[in-house]
Amino acid sequence: MNFTAIILAGGQSKRMGTNKALIAYQGKPLILYSIELALSFTRNILISSNHNDLEHLGFPIIKDFLPVSAPLAGIHAGLQTSRTNWNLILTCDMPNVTVSLIDSLKTRLNNHVQMVIPAHDGFVEPLCGFYHRDMISSIEQNIAQGRLSLLDLLRIARHDLVQINGVTGENPAFLFKNVNARKDLLS
C-alpha cells in the first residue's frame, strides 16, 4: 500500500530553547530518527514545520494553513498536501518508534476506518499512526470549534485503536518516549 509519511516538526520547542528537531539525541538530530523510520516504508515524506531551518533535510517543508498552534494544524497541512489517501503521522520527538510497530499498524488499514492509532495501558498515542485524507473536513470542523486535541478526533472519526502491549514485544514507555526537554536527552 502506498502512503505518505508526515513528520511533525513545527512545535515551539519552548522547553528545549531551540528547534528540538535538530537537537542531537544519541549522536544524531532527533528528526533523523523519524525520517529514517519513514524511509523504511516510503519515499513520500513531508515535514510539517513552521521553522525555516529544516530545508537542508531534502524533503518538502509544509507550513500550517490554519492559524492555530497545535499538532492538529500540522496534520491538517500535511493531509492537505499529501497525494495519498493514507498517511503515516510521526513526530520528530519520539525517536524510539520502530518498524515493527508501524508494520503492526499498517496491517490494520482498511476502508472502514479513518485513523489507525496505537494504544497501551489506557493511553492513546495519536502522534504516531495512520490518518486518512478524508479526515481533513473533520479536522477543520474541530479547529473551528476550538477543539485542538487529537483525542477529540476519536469522538468523530471511524478509528481502530491497536493495543500494542505484547504485539511488538517492546515496552510502550520506551516506544513512545517523548523528548521535550534537555533532561530527556540524557535517558
Foldseek 3Di string as FASTA:
>chain_A
DDAAEEEEQAAPLPQAVDRQQQDDFPHGGLQVLVVVLRVVPHPRYEYEHPDPPCVVVPHHYFYFPDPDRAVLSSVLRVLVPIPDFKYWAAYSFQNQAHNLVQVVQVVPDDPQWQWEWEDEPHGTDRRTTMGGSVCNVVSVVCVVVVNRDPVVSVVPTGYHHHYCVVSSPDDPCNRRPGDRHPVSSVD
